[in-house]
């Protein structure tokens, strides 16, 4: 008789959960407060979604503590925009310090979780995007970013998209919009290290008009149910 299917572990991350700057850097970091509080400094709504998913699914949760304008946890080590224009004013030594004390621990913890987890890991990265950019309204309500060339990941993404649409038919749920799922990031970079028998990585991009208020709560509850349903097939995808 065939043995039991391998376990599925769930990892929830929110790299841009906050817009704070640690005291150590406040005298050396020049980003204006209004920029830090804007969509450039963080992803409003990503932290409540990540926390809700983690609690409901009893999943591991990793979140960024500081603004991405200091150092972006969702950029690989040599990406030219890992440090914003404000952080580029820091010395090379200071940027190296940020790499070792803020960026690298997040990436090492992520990789170690995948390595030690039994069976396959489903990584859901919670992010959000501004409804309007450069004068253009973005038609997406929820974006699911993935690599369509990875068959298991593509199947999981389509299943999740269908589960969301079944519960919220009025929402525009798009795959790989408003960004491409293969762009540089913690999930896409680690696809190079782990096969899809070990890692399925999706970014959930939430339109920031759902970042707060009653609508935000309803979206989070709906996402919990849709993700929970989709995870039932995660171990059997090939």
C-alpha atoms as a PDB file:
ATOM      1  CA  UNK A   1       0.000   0.000   0.000  1.00  0.00           C
ATOM      2  CA  UNK A   2       1.254   3.526  -0.725  1.00  0.00           C
ATOM      3  CA  UNK A   3       2.498   5.456   2.261  1.00  0.00           C
ATOM      4  CA  UNK A   4       1.024   8.724   3.505  1.00  0.00           C
ATOM      5  CA  UNK A   5       1.583  11.833   1.446  1.00  0.00           C
ATOM      6  CA  UNK A   6       4.465  13.993   2.677  1.00  0.00           C
ATOM      7  CA  UNK A   7       3.589  16.811   5.025  1.00  0.00           C
ATOM      8  CA  UNK A   8       3.041  20.355   3.817  1.00  0.00           C
ATOM      9  CA  UNK A   9       4.485  23.179   5.879  1.00  0.00           C
ATOM     10  CA  UNK A  10       3.224  26.721   5.464  1.00  0.00           C
ATOM     11  CA  UNK A  11       5.440  29.794   5.763  1.00  0.00           C
ATOM     12  CA  UNK A  12       3.907  33.270   5.811  1.00  0.00           C
ATOM     13  CA  UNK A  13       6.099  36.315   5.294  1.00  0.00           C
ATOM     14  CA  UNK A  14       5.527  40.075   5.126  1.00  0.00           C
ATOM     15  CA  UNK A  15       8.811  41.702   4.193  1.00  0.00           C
ATOM     16  CA  UNK A  16       7.349  45.230   4.040  1.00  0.00           C
ATOM     17  CA  UNK A  17       5.114  45.085   7.099  1.00  0.00           C
ATOM     18  CA  UNK A  18       6.270  48.309   8.784  1.00  0.00           C
ATOM     19  CA  UNK A  19       7.709  51.733   8.016  1.00  0.00           C
ATOM     20  CA  UNK A  20       9.753  52.325  11.184  1.00  0.00           C
ATOM     21  CA  UNK A  21      13.442  53.214  11.268  1.00  0.00           C
ATOM     22  CA  UNK A  22      15.498  51.905  14.228  1.00  0.00           C
ATOM     23  CA  UNK A  23      16.983  54.510  16.551  1.00  0.00           C
ATOM     24  CA  UNK A  24      20.469  53.438  15.505  1.00  0.00           C
ATOM     25  CA  UNK A  25      19.839  54.898  12.040  1.00  0.00           C
ATOM     26  CA  UNK A  26      17.553  57.889  12.583  1.00  0.00           C
ATOM     27  CA  UNK A  27      20.421  60.409  12.523  1.00  0.00           C
ATOM     28  CA  UNK A  28      21.963  58.912   9.388  1.00  0.00           C
ATOM     29  CA  UNK A  29      18.870  58.163   7.347  1.00  0.00           C
ATOM     30  CA  UNK A  30      17.330  61.045   5.424  1.00  0.00           C
ATOM     31  CA  UNK A  31      13.986  59.757   4.095  1.00  0.00           C
ATOM     32  CA  UNK A  32      11.240  62.318   4.907  1.00  0.00           C
ATOM     33  CA  UNK A  33       8.474  61.081   7.251  1.00  0.00           C
ATOM     34  CA  UNK A  34       5.800  61.452   4.548  1.00  0.00           C
ATOM     35  CA  UNK A  35       7.803  59.221   2.205  1.00  0.00           C
ATOM     36  CA  UNK A  36       8.316  56.632   4.945  1.00  0.00           C
ATOM     37  CA  UNK A  37       4.572  56.530   5.599  1.00  0.00           C
ATOM     38  CA  UNK A  38       3.726  56.286   1.896  1.00  0.00           C
ATOM     39  CA  UNK A  39       3.565  53.114  -0.203  1.00  0.00           C
ATOM     40  CA  UNK A  40       7.254  53.605  -0.908  1.00  0.00           C
ATOM     41  CA  UNK A  41       8.128  52.993   2.735  1.00  0.00           C
ATOM     42  CA  UNK A  42       5.974  49.938   3.434  1.00  0.00           C
ATOM     43  CA  UNK A  43       3.008  47.802   2.330  1.00  0.00           C
ATOM     44  CA  UNK A  44      -0.108  48.904   4.254  1.00  0.00           C
ATOM     45  CA  UNK A  45      -2.401  45.968   5.005  1.00  0.00           C
ATOM     46  CA  UNK A  46       0.262  43.312   4.512  1.00  0.00           C
ATOM     47  CA  UNK A  47       0.940  42.782   8.227  1.00  0.00           C
ATOM     48  CA  UNK A  48      -2.715  42.203   9.266  1.00  0.00           C
ATOM     49  CA  UNK A  49      -3.179  39.754   6.373  1.00  0.00           C
ATOM     50  CA  UNK A  50       0.012  37.871   7.212  1.00  0.00           C
ATOM     51  CA  UNK A  51      -0.868  37.707  10.903  1.00  0.00           C
ATOM     52  CA  UNK A  52      -4.412  36.494  10.182  1.00  0.00           C
ATOM     53  CA  UNK A  53      -3.195  33.757   7.826  1.00  0.00           C
ATOM     54  CA  UNK A  54      -0.503  32.656  10.245  1.00  0.00           C
ATOM     55  CA  UNK A  55      -2.897  32.390  13.181  1.00  0.00           C
ATOM     56  CA  UNK A  56      -5.645  30.627  11.238  1.00  0.00           C
ATOM     57  CA  UNK A  57      -3.301  28.143   9.568  1.00  0.00           C
ATOM     58  CA  UNK A  58      -0.953  27.758  12.554  1.00  0.00           C
ATOM     59  CA  UNK A  59       1.827  28.660  10.163  1.00  0.00           C
ATOM     60  CA  UNK A  60       5.298  30.056  10.723  1.00  0.00           C
ATOM     61  CA  UNK A  61       5.362  33.859  10.385  1.00  0.00           C
ATOM     62  CA  UNK A  62       8.309  36.051   9.383  1.00  0.00           C
ATOM     63  CA  UNK A  63       7.902  39.816   9.067  1.00  0.00           C
ATOM     64  CA  UNK A  64      10.139  42.768   8.430  1.00  0.00           C
ATOM     65  CA  UNK A  65      10.510  45.156  11.366  1.00  0.00           C
ATOM     66  CA  UNK A  66      11.834  48.189   9.478  1.00  0.00           C
ATOM     67  CA  UNK A  67      11.066  50.216   6.375  1.00  0.00           C
ATOM     68  CA  UNK A  68      12.198  48.793   3.058  1.00  0.00           C
ATOM     69  CA  UNK A  69      13.732  52.205   2.334  1.00  0.00           C
ATOM     70  CA  UNK A  70      16.466  51.286   4.812  1.00  0.00           C
ATOM     71  CA  UNK A  71      17.123  47.868   3.275  1.00  0.00           C
ATOM     72  CA  UNK A  72      14.642  45.851   1.222  1.00  0.00           C
ATOM     73  CA  UNK A  73      14.144  42.306   2.517  1.00  0.00           C
ATOM     74  CA  UNK A  74      12.459  41.336  -0.749  1.00  0.00           C
ATOM     75  CA  UNK A  75      15.528  42.006  -2.892  1.00  0.00           C
ATOM     76  CA  UNK A  76      18.438  39.646  -3.377  1.00  0.00           C
ATOM     77  CA  UNK A  77      21.869  40.571  -2.088  1.00  0.00           C
ATOM     78  CA  UNK A  78      23.239  42.147  -5.265  1.00  0.00           C
ATOM     79  CA  UNK A  79      20.040  43.744  -6.559  1.00  0.00           C
ATOM     80  CA  UNK A  80      20.692  47.425  -7.410  1.00  0.00           C
ATOM     81  CA  UNK A  81      17.576  48.584  -5.540  1.00  0.00           C
ATOM     82  CA  UNK A  82      18.090  46.625  -2.330  1.00  0.00           C
ATOM     83  CA  UNK A  83      19.124  49.965  -0.856  1.00  0.00           C
ATOM     84  CA  UNK A  84      16.939  52.962  -1.679  1.00  0.00           C
ATOM     85  CA  UNK A  85      18.305  56.329  -2.760  1.00  0.00           C
ATOM     86  CA  UNK A  86      18.116  57.402   0.889  1.00  0.00           C
ATOM     87  CA  UNK A  87      20.162  54.461   2.157  1.00  0.00           C
ATOM     88  CA  UNK A  88      22.742  54.863  -0.604  1.00  0.00           C
ATOM     89  CA  UNK A  89      23.877  57.983   1.234  1.00  0.00           C
ATOM     90  CA  UNK A  90      25.197  55.682   3.965  1.00  0.00           C
ATOM     91  CA  UNK A  91      28.810  54.555   3.879  1.00  0.00           C
ATOM     92  CA  UNK A  92      29.772  51.149   2.508  1.00  0.00           C
ATOM     93  CA  UNK A  93      30.522  50.021   6.066  1.00  0.00           C
ATOM     94  CA  UNK A  94      27.076  51.117   7.224  1.00  0.00           C
ATOM     95  CA  UNK A  95      25.340  49.330   4.349  1.00  0.00           C
ATOM     96  CA  UNK A  96      27.332  46.194   5.168  1.00  0.00           C
ATOM     97  CA  UNK A  97      26.160  46.505   8.778  1.00  0.00           C
ATOM     98  CA  UNK A  98      22.532  46.670   7.616  1.00  0.00           C
ATOM     99  CA  UNK A  99      23.093  43.626   5.446  1.00  0.00           C
ATOM    100  CA  UNK A 100      24.459  41.591   8.329  1.00  0.00           C
ATOM    101  CA  UNK A 101      22.060  42.742  11.047  1.00  0.00           C
ATOM    102  CA  UNK A 102      18.771  43.191   9.152  1.00  0.00           C
ATOM    103  CA  UNK A 103      18.792  41.620   5.695  1.00  0.00           C
ATOM    104  CA  UNK A 104      20.831  38.429   6.117  1.00  0.00           C
ATOM    105  CA  UNK A 105      19.062  37.088   9.241  1.00  0.00           C
ATOM    106  CA  UNK A 106      15.722  37.229   7.402  1.00  0.00           C
ATOM    107  CA  UNK A 107      17.060  35.365   4.380  1.00  0.00           C
ATOM    108  CA  UNK A 108      18.947  32.792   6.456  1.00  0.00           C
ATOM    109  CA  UNK A 109      15.902  32.061   8.608  1.00  0.00           C
ATOM    110  CA  UNK A 110      13.814  31.634   5.467  1.00  0.00           C
ATOM    111  CA  UNK A 111      16.235  29.142   3.888  1.00  0.00           C
ATOM    112  CA  UNK A 112      16.699  27.227   7.142  1.00  0.00           C
ATOM    113  CA  UNK A 113      12.938  26.833   7.535  1.00  0.00           C
ATOM    114  CA  UNK A 114      12.646  25.300   4.080  1.00  0.00           C
ATOM    115  CA  UNK A 115      15.631  23.020   4.619  1.00  0.00           C
ATOM    116  CA  UNK A 116      14.367  21.549   7.883  1.00  0.00           C
ATOM    117  CA  UNK A 117      10.648  21.386   7.046  1.00  0.00           C
ATOM    118  CA  UNK A 118       9.270  17.927   6.243  1.00  0.00           C
ATOM    119  CA  UNK A 119       7.852  17.562   2.767  1.00  0.00           C
ATOM    120  CA  UNK A 120       6.899  20.583   0.699  1.00  0.00           C
ATOM    121  CA  UNK A 121       6.798  24.204   1.896  1.00  0.00           C
ATOM    122  CA  UNK A 122       4.079  26.542   0.664  1.00  0.00           C
ATOM    123  CA  UNK A 123       5.380  30.072   1.063  1.00  0.00           C
ATOM    124  CA  UNK A 124       2.844  32.905   0.935  1.00  0.00           C
ATOM    125  CA  UNK A 125       4.418  36.353   0.918  1.00  0.00           C
ATOM    126  CA  UNK A 126       1.933  39.087   1.847  1.00  0.00           C
ATOM    127  CA  UNK A 127       2.379  42.413   0.072  1.00  0.00           C
ATOM    128  CA  UNK A 128       0.220  45.291  -1.092  1.00  0.00           C
ATOM    129  CA  UNK A 129       0.261  47.860  -3.878  1.00  0.00           C
ATOM    130  CA  UNK A 130      -0.985  51.384  -4.370  1.00  0.00           C
ATOM    131  CA  UNK A 131      -4.279  51.586  -6.312  1.00  0.00           C
ATOM    132  CA  UNK A 132      -2.912  54.308  -8.592  1.00  0.00           C
ATOM    133  CA  UNK A 133       0.592  54.651  -9.976  1.00  0.00           C
ATOM    134  CA  UNK A 134       1.866  57.424 -12.245  1.00  0.00           C
ATOM    135  CA  UNK A 135      -1.683  58.628 -12.816  1.00  0.00           C
ATOM    136  CA  UNK A 136      -3.002  55.224 -13.902  1.00  0.00           C
ATOM    137  CA  UNK A 137      -5.628  53.256 -11.982  1.00  0.00           C
ATOM    138  CA  UNK A 138      -4.641  49.637 -11.465  1.00  0.00           C
ATOM    139  CA  UNK A 139      -7.561  47.289 -12.158  1.00  0.00           C
ATOM    140  CA  UNK A 140      -6.323  44.438  -9.963  1.00  0.00           C
ATOM    141  CA  UNK A 141      -7.829  43.855  -6.503  1.00  0.00           C
ATOM    142  CA  UNK A 142      -5.768  40.792  -5.567  1.00  0.00           C
ATOM    143  CA  UNK A 143      -2.679  39.704  -7.451  1.00  0.00           C
ATOM    144  CA  UNK A 144      -1.171  36.231  -7.181  1.00  0.00           C
ATOM    145  CA  UNK A 145       2.453  36.261  -8.282  1.00  0.00           C
ATOM    146  CA  UNK A 146       4.123  32.972  -9.205  1.00  0.00           C
ATOM    147  CA  UNK A 147       6.364  31.246 -11.731  1.00  0.00           C
ATOM    148  CA  UNK A 148       4.089  29.661 -14.366  1.00  0.00           C
ATOM    149  CA  UNK A 149       6.965  27.469 -15.585  1.00  0.00           C
ATOM    150  CA  UNK A 150       6.856  25.534 -12.308  1.00  0.00           C
ATOM    151  CA  UNK A 151       3.947  23.179 -12.836  1.00  0.00           C
ATOM    152  CA  UNK A 152       3.048  22.535  -9.219  1.00  0.00           C
ATOM    153  CA  UNK A 153       3.284  26.210  -8.374  1.00  0.00           C
ATOM    154  CA  UNK A 154       1.149  27.143 -11.368  1.00  0.00           C
ATOM    155  CA  UNK A 155      -1.491  24.572 -10.417  1.00  0.00           C
ATOM    156  CA  UNK A 156      -1.586  25.810  -6.825  1.00  0.00           C
ATOM    157  CA  UNK A 157      -1.864  29.423  -7.964  1.00  0.00           C
ATOM    158  CA  UNK A 158      -4.757  28.626 -10.299  1.00  0.00           C
ATOM    159  CA  UNK A 159      -6.495  26.687  -7.537  1.00  0.00           C
ATOM    160  CA  UNK A 160      -6.144  29.611  -5.150  1.00  0.00           C
ATOM    161  CA  UNK A 161      -7.372  32.055  -7.786  1.00  0.00           C
ATOM    162  CA  UNK A 162     -10.478  29.925  -8.342  1.00  0.00           C
ATOM    163  CA  UNK A 163     -11.080  29.591  -4.599  1.00  0.00           C
ATOM    164  CA  UNK A 164     -10.924  33.371  -4.141  1.00  0.00           C
ATOM    165  CA  UNK A 165     -13.196  34.054  -7.111  1.00  0.00           C
ATOM    166  CA  UNK A 166     -15.730  31.541  -5.819  1.00  0.00           C
ATOM    167  CA  UNK A 167     -15.965  33.508  -2.567  1.00  0.00           C
ATOM    168  CA  UNK A 168     -15.634  37.039  -3.934  1.00  0.00           C
ATOM    169  CA  UNK A 169     -16.873  37.135  -7.513  1.00  0.00           C
ATOM    170  CA  UNK A 170     -16.830  40.932  -7.557  1.00  0.00           C
ATOM    171  CA  UNK A 171     -13.074  41.145  -7.069  1.00  0.00           C
ATOM    172  CA  UNK A 172     -10.554  41.287  -9.907  1.00  0.00           C
ATOM    173  CA  UNK A 173      -8.157  38.431  -9.055  1.00  0.00           C
ATOM    174  CA  UNK A 174      -5.250  38.265 -11.474  1.00  0.00           C
ATOM    175  CA  UNK A 175      -2.202  36.084 -11.833  1.00  0.00           C
ATOM    176  CA  UNK A 176       1.140  37.905 -12.186  1.00  0.00           C
ATOM    177  CA  UNK A 177      -0.385  41.357 -11.981  1.00  0.00           C
ATOM    178  CA  UNK A 178       0.376  44.088 -11.125  1.00  0.00           C
ATOM    179  CA  UNK A 179       3.901  42.589 -11.071  1.00  0.00           C
ATOM    180  CA  UNK A 180       5.585  39.543 -12.567  1.00  0.00           C
ATOM    181  CA  UNK A 181       6.025  36.589 -10.236  1.00  0.00           C
ATOM    182  CA  UNK A 182       9.504  35.875 -11.591  1.00  0.00           C
ATOM    183  CA  UNK A 183      10.891  39.290 -10.661  1.00  0.00           C
ATOM    184  CA  UNK A 184      13.635  39.426  -8.050  1.00  0.00           C
ATOM    185  CA  UNK A 185      12.474  38.614  -4.530  1.00  0.00           C
ATOM    186  CA  UNK A 186      13.013  36.238  -1.649  1.00  0.00           C
ATOM    187  CA  UNK A 187      10.669  33.597  -3.051  1.00  0.00           C
ATOM    188  CA  UNK A 188      11.781  33.821  -6.666  1.00  0.00           C
ATOM    189  CA  UNK A 189      15.460  33.734  -5.703  1.00  0.00           C
ATOM    190  CA  UNK A 190      15.001  30.618  -3.555  1.00  0.00           C
ATOM    191  CA  UNK A 191      13.296  28.801  -6.421  1.00  0.00           C
ATOM    192  CA  UNK A 192      16.836  28.533  -7.782  1.00  0.00           C
ATOM    193  CA  UNK A 193      17.852  26.655  -4.632  1.00  0.00           C
ATOM    194  CA  UNK A 194      14.833  24.384  -4.116  1.00  0.00           C
ATOM    195  CA  UNK A 195      12.830  22.354  -6.598  1.00  0.00           C
ATOM    196  CA  UNK A 196       9.054  22.628  -6.656  1.00  0.00           C
ATOM    197  CA  UNK A 197       8.820  19.300  -4.874  1.00  0.00           C
ATOM    198  CA  UNK A 198      10.210  21.285  -1.921  1.00  0.00           C
ATOM    199  CA  UNK A 199       9.020  24.874  -2.443  1.00  0.00           C
ATOM    200  CA  UNK A 200       5.897  26.542  -3.807  1.00  0.00           C
ATOM    201  CA  UNK A 201       6.214  30.317  -3.440  1.00  0.00           C
ATOM    202  CA  UNK A 202       3.453  32.835  -4.120  1.00  0.00           C
ATOM    203  CA  UNK A 203       3.200  36.541  -3.441  1.00  0.00           C
ATOM    204  CA  UNK A 204      -0.257  37.760  -2.481  1.00  0.00           C
ATOM    205  CA  UNK A 205      -0.525  41.369  -3.641  1.00  0.00           C
ATOM    206  CA  UNK A 206      -3.445  43.176  -2.022  1.00  0.00           C
ATOM    207  CA  UNK A 207      -4.757  46.443  -3.424  1.00  0.00           C
ATOM    208  CA  UNK A 208      -4.221  49.016  -0.676  1.00  0.00           C
ATOM    209  CA  UNK A 209      -7.819  50.175  -0.869  1.00  0.00           C
ATOM    210  CA  UNK A 210      -8.446  47.030   1.195  1.00  0.00           C
ATOM    211  CA  UNK A 211      -5.703  47.851   3.714  1.00  0.00           C
ATOM    212  CA  UNK A 212      -8.042  49.040   6.470  1.00  0.00           C
ATOM    213  CA  UNK A 213     -11.688  49.207   7.490  1.00  0.00           C
ATOM    214  CA  UNK A 214     -14.518  46.640   7.342  1.00  0.00           C
ATOM    215  CA  UNK A 215     -13.586  45.644   3.811  1.00  0.00           C
ATOM    216  CA  UNK A 216     -10.111  44.658   4.966  1.00  0.00           C
ATOM    217  CA  UNK A 217     -11.498  42.300   7.608  1.00  0.00           C
ATOM    218  CA  UNK A 218     -13.797  40.621   5.081  1.00  0.00           C
ATOM    219  CA  UNK A 219     -10.934  40.193   2.625  1.00  0.00           C
ATOM    220  CA  UNK A 220      -8.751  38.578   5.285  1.00  0.00           C
ATOM    221  CA  UNK A 221     -11.483  36.147   6.348  1.00  0.00           C
ATOM    222  CA  UNK A 222     -12.151  35.240   2.724  1.00  0.00           C
ATOM    223  CA  UNK A 223      -8.432  34.716   2.049  1.00  0.00           C
ATOM    224  CA  UNK A 224      -8.123  32.392   5.041  1.00  0.00           C
ATOM    225  CA  UNK A 225     -10.885  30.160   3.696  1.00  0.00           C
ATOM    226  CA  UNK A 226      -9.530  30.232   0.135  1.00  0.00           C
ATOM    227  CA  UNK A 227      -5.970  29.417   1.197  1.00  0.00           C
ATOM    228  CA  UNK A 228      -7.120  26.661   3.548  1.00  0.00           C
ATOM    229  CA  UNK A 229      -9.099  25.029   0.726  1.00  0.00           C
ATOM    230  CA  UNK A 230      -6.188  25.317  -1.721  1.00  0.00           C
ATOM    231  CA  UNK A 231      -3.711  23.779   0.716  1.00  0.00           C
ATOM    232  CA  UNK A 232      -5.649  20.506   0.662  1.00  0.00           C
ATOM    233  CA  UNK A 233      -4.080  19.705  -2.720  1.00  0.00           C
ATOM    234  CA  UNK A 234      -0.611  21.136  -2.088  1.00  0.00           C
ATOM    235  CA  UNK A 235       1.088  17.869  -1.143  1.00  0.00           C
ATOM    236  CA  UNK A 236      -0.209  15.977  -4.208  1.00  0.00           C
ATOM    237  CA  UNK A 237       0.745  18.470  -6.917  1.00  0.00           C
ATOM    238  CA  UNK A 238       3.406  17.416  -9.391  1.00  0.00           C
END
